[in-house]
């Protein structure tokens, strides 16, 4: 192996290890990284972040044979290019720089900005090929890989459609209530949906033509994305309008917390369609399970159900089927998103709050290996 090959192998390994998903160190991933970073940047990442994905400036100075200004210049460029995210530590008040894994991480940052040139199309194709490679890997080692995912934390948490959720005589609790999420956050940003943008670049536009600019960021993540031109600030009033529009399109509110830990602060909410969303796509392609947290479960009032099939059509998890012209919910597949209740013309579906948060783990379909 040449010195150049060793460098790219080493930097690719560091980037894969920065996230929870088991990406293979493949030629596709190396080609993708060569599009995103220079040789100098690759040397910096391989030397500094080879063992630990998050570092403060003092830790970086000990590992990099560069002046502080040279380091800061490199970090600034890597942040603007979506390779590293820098945020201030809540406990110590110092800047922490975190290397981004391929997904979730680099995928979002690379496709969050508008642009339809040849470079953007190439990046979309490379990401798509990377996910296809993961699908082939899962197909060949299905049982082993799906069992491994049980050891990883859920990637997101489902936030139900607000008006469809009841808890006793009250509307849903504030932590799941979209309006309350907006109200309690002062820093809010909105960005282009990277998943729909990727599909547009691949020539496979959204099947329901859902709005493109409706991914939300909060707190420190919002500040970072605004400063680095990944997103735009938005008022609370306008944010609520976009959320309501998303509900009418049948999109799923999915919340992402810092380090995929629901106990930590919220950093993003996506409005997802099953035809474009990266997580839905990876599930439908047989790459990975759909693993999420939800406090709710859909329930059908059989007396009011007329068997129209709207809920069966709208459910992104295919968790509802008609049996004798009555909608029946598969409790093991239901993610409690409220899309079925929001669109039921008879109002015969509602969401029940569970006593404890539900970890919904749905294995992906088995795809025959090539």
Protein backbone atom coordinates (compact mmCIF):
# COMPACT_ATOMS: atom_id res chain seq x y z
CA UNK A 1 0.00 0.00 0.00
CA UNK A 2 1.45 3.38 -1.02
CA UNK A 3 1.79 6.30 1.39
CA UNK A 4 -1.10 8.06 -0.38
CA UNK A 5 -3.33 4.99 -0.01
CA UNK A 6 -2.35 4.66 3.66
CA UNK A 7 -3.30 8.30 4.29
CA UNK A 8 -6.77 7.98 2.75
CA UNK A 9 -7.39 4.67 4.46
CA UNK A 10 -6.41 6.20 7.80
CA UNK A 11 -8.56 9.33 7.39
CA UNK A 12 -11.52 7.25 6.18
CA UNK A 13 -11.22 5.01 9.24
CA UNK A 14 -11.18 8.06 11.53
CA UNK A 15 -14.31 9.46 9.88
CA UNK A 16 -16.20 6.14 10.05
CA UNK A 17 -15.26 5.75 13.74
CA UNK A 18 -16.66 9.22 14.46
CA UNK A 19 -20.22 7.88 14.12
CA UNK A 20 -22.28 4.88 15.25
CA UNK A 21 -23.07 3.36 11.86
CA UNK A 22 -20.89 0.53 10.46
CA UNK A 23 -19.78 2.03 7.15
CA UNK A 24 -17.32 -0.07 5.14
CA UNK A 25 -14.01 1.58 4.24
CA UNK A 26 -14.69 1.30 0.53
CA UNK A 27 -13.38 2.87 -2.66
CA UNK A 28 -16.67 4.79 -2.89
CA UNK A 29 -16.22 6.37 0.53
CA UNK A 30 -12.60 7.23 -0.20
CA UNK A 31 -13.62 8.81 -3.53
CA UNK A 32 -16.29 10.80 -1.71
CA UNK A 33 -13.80 12.10 0.86
CA UNK A 34 -11.34 13.07 -1.87
CA UNK A 35 -14.11 15.29 -3.27
CA UNK A 36 -14.62 16.93 0.12
CA UNK A 37 -11.16 17.42 1.61
CA UNK A 38 -7.66 18.23 0.40
CA UNK A 39 -4.52 16.21 1.11
CA UNK A 40 -3.40 18.76 3.72
CA UNK A 41 -6.79 18.55 5.43
CA UNK A 42 -6.67 14.74 5.28
CA UNK A 43 -3.25 14.74 6.99
CA UNK A 44 -4.60 17.06 9.68
CA UNK A 45 -7.67 14.89 10.34
CA UNK A 46 -5.69 11.64 10.32
CA UNK A 47 -3.17 13.02 12.80
CA UNK A 48 -5.51 14.87 15.16
CA UNK A 49 -8.78 12.93 15.14
CA UNK A 50 -7.46 9.38 14.64
CA UNK A 51 -8.42 8.25 18.15
CA UNK A 52 -10.98 10.76 19.34
CA UNK A 53 -13.66 12.50 17.22
CA UNK A 54 -14.14 15.54 19.46
CA UNK A 55 -11.27 17.82 20.57
CA UNK A 56 -10.79 21.28 22.02
CA UNK A 57 -8.12 23.67 20.72
CA UNK A 58 -5.59 22.81 23.45
CA UNK A 59 -5.89 19.09 22.69
CA UNK A 60 -5.54 19.77 18.97
CA UNK A 61 -2.41 21.92 19.50
CA UNK A 62 -0.72 19.02 21.26
CA UNK A 63 -1.26 16.72 18.26
CA UNK A 64 -0.87 19.06 15.29
CA UNK A 65 2.57 20.35 14.32
CA UNK A 66 1.12 23.74 13.35
CA UNK A 67 0.77 27.21 14.82
CA UNK A 68 -2.49 28.08 16.56
CA UNK A 69 -3.47 30.39 13.72
CA UNK A 70 -2.81 27.69 11.12
CA UNK A 71 -4.96 25.30 13.14
CA UNK A 72 -7.79 27.82 13.44
CA UNK A 73 -7.66 28.50 9.70
CA UNK A 74 -7.89 24.78 8.95
CA UNK A 75 -10.74 24.31 11.42
CA UNK A 76 -12.64 27.25 9.97
CA UNK A 77 -12.41 25.84 6.43
CA UNK A 78 -13.37 22.33 7.56
CA UNK A 79 -16.34 23.72 9.46
CA UNK A 80 -17.56 25.75 6.49
CA UNK A 81 -17.21 22.65 4.31
CA UNK A 82 -19.24 20.51 6.73
CA UNK A 83 -16.44 18.14 7.75
CA UNK A 84 -16.13 19.36 11.34
CA UNK A 85 -18.76 20.99 13.55
CA UNK A 86 -17.62 23.41 16.24
CA UNK A 87 -19.86 24.27 19.20
CA UNK A 88 -19.28 25.70 22.64
CA UNK A 89 -19.27 23.24 25.54
CA UNK A 90 -22.21 23.90 27.85
CA UNK A 91 -20.29 22.85 30.97
CA UNK A 92 -16.82 24.31 30.34
CA UNK A 93 -17.61 27.14 27.93
CA UNK A 94 -14.83 26.16 25.50
CA UNK A 95 -15.09 25.37 21.80
CA UNK A 96 -15.25 21.68 20.97
CA UNK A 97 -14.60 20.54 17.40
CA UNK A 98 -16.26 17.29 16.35
CA UNK A 99 -15.36 15.28 13.27
CA UNK A 100 -18.48 14.36 11.29
CA UNK A 101 -19.17 10.76 10.24
CA UNK A 102 -20.59 10.01 6.77
CA UNK A 103 -24.19 9.69 8.05
CA UNK A 104 -25.70 11.28 9.99
CA UNK A 105 -23.19 14.11 9.56
CA UNK A 106 -21.45 14.83 6.28
CA UNK A 107 -24.43 13.75 4.19
CA UNK A 108 -26.61 16.46 5.72
CA UNK A 109 -24.03 19.23 5.55
CA UNK A 110 -23.05 18.50 1.94
CA UNK A 111 -26.66 18.65 0.74
CA UNK A 112 -28.03 21.35 3.03
CA UNK A 113 -27.00 24.21 0.75
CA UNK A 114 -28.83 24.80 -2.55
CA UNK A 115 -26.95 23.97 -5.73
CA UNK A 116 -27.60 21.79 -8.76
CA UNK A 117 -24.20 21.78 -10.48
CA UNK A 118 -22.14 18.79 -11.57
CA UNK A 119 -20.25 18.65 -8.27
CA UNK A 120 -23.49 18.47 -6.25
CA UNK A 121 -24.82 15.75 -8.57
CA UNK A 122 -21.59 13.78 -8.20
CA UNK A 123 -21.77 13.99 -4.40
CA UNK A 124 -25.39 12.81 -4.48
CA UNK A 125 -24.40 9.82 -6.66
CA UNK A 126 -21.50 8.93 -4.37
CA UNK A 127 -23.69 9.04 -1.26
CA UNK A 128 -26.32 6.96 -3.05
CA UNK A 129 -23.68 4.40 -4.10
CA UNK A 130 -22.38 4.31 -0.54
CA UNK A 131 -25.84 3.48 0.81
CA UNK A 132 -26.25 0.80 -1.89
CA UNK A 133 -22.97 -0.78 -0.76
CA UNK A 134 -24.25 -0.83 2.80
CA UNK A 135 -27.39 -2.55 1.54
CA UNK A 136 -25.33 -5.28 -0.14
CA UNK A 137 -23.33 -5.74 3.07
CA UNK A 138 -26.53 -6.12 5.12
CA UNK A 139 -28.05 -8.52 2.59
CA UNK A 140 -25.04 -10.84 2.86
CA UNK A 141 -24.85 -10.68 6.68
CA UNK A 142 -28.45 -9.83 7.59
CA UNK A 143 -28.87 -11.54 10.97
CA UNK A 144 -25.46 -10.49 12.32
CA UNK A 145 -25.74 -6.86 11.24
CA UNK A 146 -29.35 -6.35 12.39
CA UNK A 147 -28.43 -7.78 15.80
CA UNK A 148 -25.55 -5.28 15.99
CA UNK A 149 -27.95 -2.37 15.47
CA UNK A 150 -29.75 -3.37 18.67
CA UNK A 151 -26.63 -2.25 20.54
CA UNK A 152 -26.73 1.24 18.99
CA UNK A 153 -28.93 4.04 20.35
CA UNK A 154 -32.04 5.05 18.38
CA UNK A 155 -31.12 7.76 15.87
CA UNK A 156 -34.19 9.91 16.42
CA UNK A 157 -37.42 10.47 18.34
CA UNK A 158 -40.84 10.87 16.73
CA UNK A 159 -42.74 14.05 17.58
CA UNK A 160 -46.45 13.47 16.89
CA UNK A 161 -48.74 15.79 14.99
CA UNK A 162 -49.84 18.12 17.79
CA UNK A 163 -53.59 18.32 17.41
CA UNK A 164 -54.09 14.56 17.09
CA UNK A 165 -52.58 13.61 20.46
CA UNK A 166 -54.46 13.41 23.72
CA UNK A 167 -53.23 12.53 27.21
CA UNK A 168 -56.25 12.27 29.47
CA UNK A 169 -58.00 15.62 29.09
CA UNK A 170 -54.86 17.44 27.98
CA UNK A 171 -53.03 18.01 24.72
CA UNK A 172 -49.64 16.27 24.56
CA UNK A 173 -46.88 17.15 26.99
CA UNK A 174 -44.67 20.10 26.16
CA UNK A 175 -41.57 18.09 25.27
CA UNK A 176 -43.45 16.42 22.41
CA UNK A 177 -45.50 19.44 21.42
CA UNK A 178 -44.11 21.10 18.31
CA UNK A 179 -45.39 24.53 19.31
CA UNK A 180 -43.82 24.24 22.76
CA UNK A 181 -40.54 23.14 21.19
CA UNK A 182 -40.60 26.29 19.07
CA UNK A 183 -41.65 28.52 21.97
CA UNK A 184 -38.83 27.46 24.29
CA UNK A 185 -36.03 27.86 21.71
CA UNK A 186 -34.67 31.33 20.98
CA UNK A 187 -32.21 30.22 18.29
CA UNK A 188 -34.09 28.61 15.40
CA UNK A 189 -32.84 28.03 11.88
CA UNK A 190 -34.44 26.47 8.82
CA UNK A 191 -32.53 24.63 6.10
CA UNK A 192 -33.06 22.91 2.80
CA UNK A 193 -34.14 19.30 3.24
CA UNK A 194 -30.95 17.46 2.32
CA UNK A 195 -32.82 14.22 1.60
CA UNK A 196 -35.17 15.80 -0.95
CA UNK A 197 -32.26 17.76 -2.37
CA UNK A 198 -30.33 14.51 -2.91
CA UNK A 199 -33.34 12.98 -4.66
CA UNK A 200 -33.70 16.04 -6.89
CA UNK A 201 -30.02 15.78 -7.83
CA UNK A 202 -30.47 12.07 -8.63
CA UNK A 203 -33.43 12.85 -10.90
CA UNK A 204 -35.86 11.13 -8.49
CA UNK A 205 -37.92 14.03 -7.11
CA UNK A 206 -40.24 13.71 -4.12
CA UNK A 207 -43.33 11.68 -5.03
CA UNK A 208 -45.66 14.03 -3.11
CA UNK A 209 -43.73 17.19 -4.03
CA UNK A 210 -43.26 18.06 -0.36
CA UNK A 211 -41.75 21.48 0.48
CA UNK A 212 -37.96 21.54 0.23
CA UNK A 213 -37.05 24.04 2.94
CA UNK A 214 -38.41 22.62 6.19
CA UNK A 215 -35.59 21.11 8.25
CA UNK A 216 -35.23 22.89 11.60
CA UNK A 217 -32.19 23.40 13.82
CA UNK A 218 -32.12 24.66 17.39
CA UNK A 219 -29.75 26.10 19.96
CA UNK A 220 -26.02 25.77 19.37
CA UNK A 221 -26.56 23.71 16.22
CA UNK A 222 -28.73 26.48 14.77
CA UNK A 223 -26.07 29.08 15.60
CA UNK A 224 -23.35 27.01 13.93
CA UNK A 225 -25.41 26.41 10.77
CA UNK A 226 -26.37 30.08 10.47
CA UNK A 227 -22.77 31.23 10.93
CA UNK A 228 -21.47 28.76 8.33
CA UNK A 229 -24.23 29.44 5.77
CA UNK A 230 -25.92 26.06 6.03
CA UNK A 231 -29.24 27.51 7.23
CA UNK A 232 -31.16 30.74 7.73
CA UNK A 233 -32.64 32.20 10.93
CA UNK A 234 -36.42 32.07 11.13
CA UNK A 235 -39.07 33.57 13.40
CA UNK A 236 -41.16 31.36 15.67
CA UNK A 237 -44.32 32.37 13.85
CA UNK A 238 -42.94 31.39 10.44
CA UNK A 239 -41.56 28.14 11.87
CA UNK A 240 -45.02 27.13 13.10
CA UNK A 241 -46.47 27.83 9.64
CA UNK A 242 -43.91 25.51 8.04
CA UNK A 243 -44.63 22.77 10.58
CA UNK A 244 -48.37 22.99 9.92
CA UNK A 245 -47.76 22.86 6.17
CA UNK A 246 -45.63 19.73 6.70
CA UNK A 247 -48.46 18.05 8.61
CA UNK A 248 -50.89 18.70 5.76
CA UNK A 249 -48.41 16.97 3.40
CA UNK A 250 -48.39 13.93 5.71
CA UNK A 251 -44.77 14.41 6.79
CA UNK A 252 -43.36 12.89 9.97
CA UNK A 253 -41.80 15.16 12.62
CA UNK A 254 -38.56 13.48 13.69
CA UNK A 255 -36.49 14.97 16.50
CA UNK A 256 -32.72 14.57 16.80
CA UNK A 257 -30.91 15.12 20.08
CA UNK A 258 -27.26 15.82 20.79
CA UNK A 259 -25.24 12.58 20.45
CA UNK A 260 -28.50 10.68 19.72
CA UNK A 261 -29.35 10.93 23.44
CA UNK A 262 -33.02 11.91 24.09
CA UNK A 263 -32.03 13.08 27.58
CA UNK A 264 -29.83 15.79 26.06
CA UNK A 265 -30.98 18.97 24.36
CA UNK A 266 -32.85 18.91 21.09
CA UNK A 267 -30.75 19.99 18.10
CA UNK A 268 -32.96 19.37 15.05
CA UNK A 269 -36.43 18.41 13.83
CA UNK A 270 -36.90 17.10 10.30
CA UNK A 271 -40.19 16.82 8.43
CA UNK A 272 -39.85 13.53 6.62
CA UNK A 273 -41.57 11.81 3.72
CA UNK A 274 -41.07 8.08 3.30
CA UNK A 275 -40.01 8.44 -0.35
CA UNK A 276 -36.99 10.70 0.32
CA UNK A 277 -36.00 10.59 4.01
CA UNK A 278 -32.57 9.00 4.41
CA UNK A 279 -33.63 6.93 7.42
CA UNK A 280 -36.83 5.69 5.76
CA UNK A 281 -34.86 4.95 2.59
CA UNK A 282 -32.17 2.98 4.41
CA UNK A 283 -34.92 1.01 6.10
CA UNK A 284 -36.89 0.36 2.89
CA UNK A 285 -33.71 -0.62 1.03
CA UNK A 286 -32.95 -3.27 3.64
CA UNK A 287 -29.85 -1.46 4.92
CA UNK A 288 -30.77 -0.87 8.57
CA UNK A 289 -33.69 -1.23 10.96
CA UNK A 290 -36.06 1.62 11.71
CA UNK A 291 -35.12 2.32 15.32
CA UNK A 292 -36.76 5.23 17.07
CA UNK A 293 -38.33 6.41 20.32
CA UNK A 294 -42.00 7.28 20.59
CA UNK A 295 -44.43 7.97 23.42
CA UNK A 296 -47.51 7.24 21.34
CA UNK A 297 -49.44 4.49 19.61
CA UNK A 298 -52.25 4.82 17.06
CA UNK A 299 -55.63 3.38 18.00
CA UNK A 300 -58.69 2.88 15.77
CA UNK A 301 -62.27 3.43 16.86
CA UNK A 302 -63.85 0.55 14.97
CA UNK A 303 -67.37 1.98 15.22
CA UNK A 304 -66.35 5.12 13.33
CA UNK A 305 -64.00 3.51 10.79
CA UNK A 306 -65.52 3.24 7.31
CA UNK A 307 -62.62 1.30 5.75
CA UNK A 308 -61.67 4.03 3.27
CA UNK A 309 -57.98 3.03 3.36
CA UNK A 310 -56.62 6.58 3.78
CA UNK A 311 -54.61 5.61 6.87
CA UNK A 312 -53.22 2.52 5.13
CA UNK A 313 -52.08 4.70 2.24
CA UNK A 314 -50.58 7.46 4.40
CA UNK A 315 -48.77 5.39 7.05
CA UNK A 316 -45.02 5.70 6.36
CA UNK A 317 -44.29 2.44 8.20
CA UNK A 318 -47.00 0.33 6.53
CA UNK A 319 -48.28 -0.36 10.04
CA UNK A 320 -51.99 -0.26 9.11
CA UNK A 321 -53.98 -2.75 7.05
CA UNK A 322 -57.68 -3.16 6.36
CA UNK A 323 -59.23 -6.33 7.73
CA UNK A 324 -62.94 -6.79 6.95
CA UNK A 325 -63.00 -3.09 5.97
CA UNK A 326 -61.70 -1.99 9.37
CA UNK A 327 -58.25 -0.40 9.89
CA UNK A 328 -55.99 -2.52 12.10
CA UNK A 329 -52.75 -1.15 13.59
CA UNK A 330 -49.61 -3.29 13.87
CA UNK A 331 -48.38 -2.11 17.27
CA UNK A 332 -44.86 -3.39 16.66
CA UNK A 333 -44.47 -1.18 13.56
CA UNK A 334 -46.38 1.92 14.66
CA UNK A 335 -44.05 4.87 15.40
CA UNK A 336 -46.81 7.10 16.79
CA UNK A 337 -46.30 9.89 14.26
CA UNK A 338 -49.99 10.85 13.99
CA UNK A 339 -50.03 11.04 10.19
CA UNK A 340 -52.91 8.53 10.06
CA UNK A 341 -54.97 10.47 12.61
CA UNK A 342 -54.30 13.80 10.93
CA UNK A 343 -55.58 12.53 7.58
CA UNK A 344 -58.44 10.25 8.70
CA UNK A 345 -61.59 11.80 7.13
CA UNK A 346 -63.83 10.31 9.82
CA UNK A 347 -61.63 11.17 12.82
CA UNK A 348 -61.68 7.50 13.81
CA UNK A 349 -57.98 7.30 14.74
CA UNK A 350 -56.27 8.89 17.71
CA UNK A 351 -52.95 8.50 19.50
CA UNK A 352 -52.68 7.06 22.99
CA UNK A 353 -49.78 8.06 25.19
CA UNK A 354 -47.81 5.13 26.61
CA UNK A 355 -46.70 5.19 30.23
CA UNK A 356 -43.05 4.82 29.22
CA UNK A 357 -41.27 5.86 26.01
CA UNK A 358 -41.45 3.05 23.46
CA UNK A 359 -38.31 1.93 21.65
CA UNK A 360 -39.63 0.88 18.27
CA UNK A 361 -37.23 -1.48 16.50
CA UNK A 362 -38.48 -2.69 13.12
CA UNK A 363 -36.08 -4.94 11.16
CA UNK A 364 -35.73 -3.92 7.50
CA UNK A 365 -36.99 -6.17 4.71
CA UNK A 366 -34.61 -8.92 3.66
CA UNK A 367 -33.19 -8.13 0.25
CA UNK A 368 -31.71 -11.01 -1.72
CA UNK A 369 -27.94 -10.48 -2.10
CA UNK A 370 -26.62 -9.95 -5.63
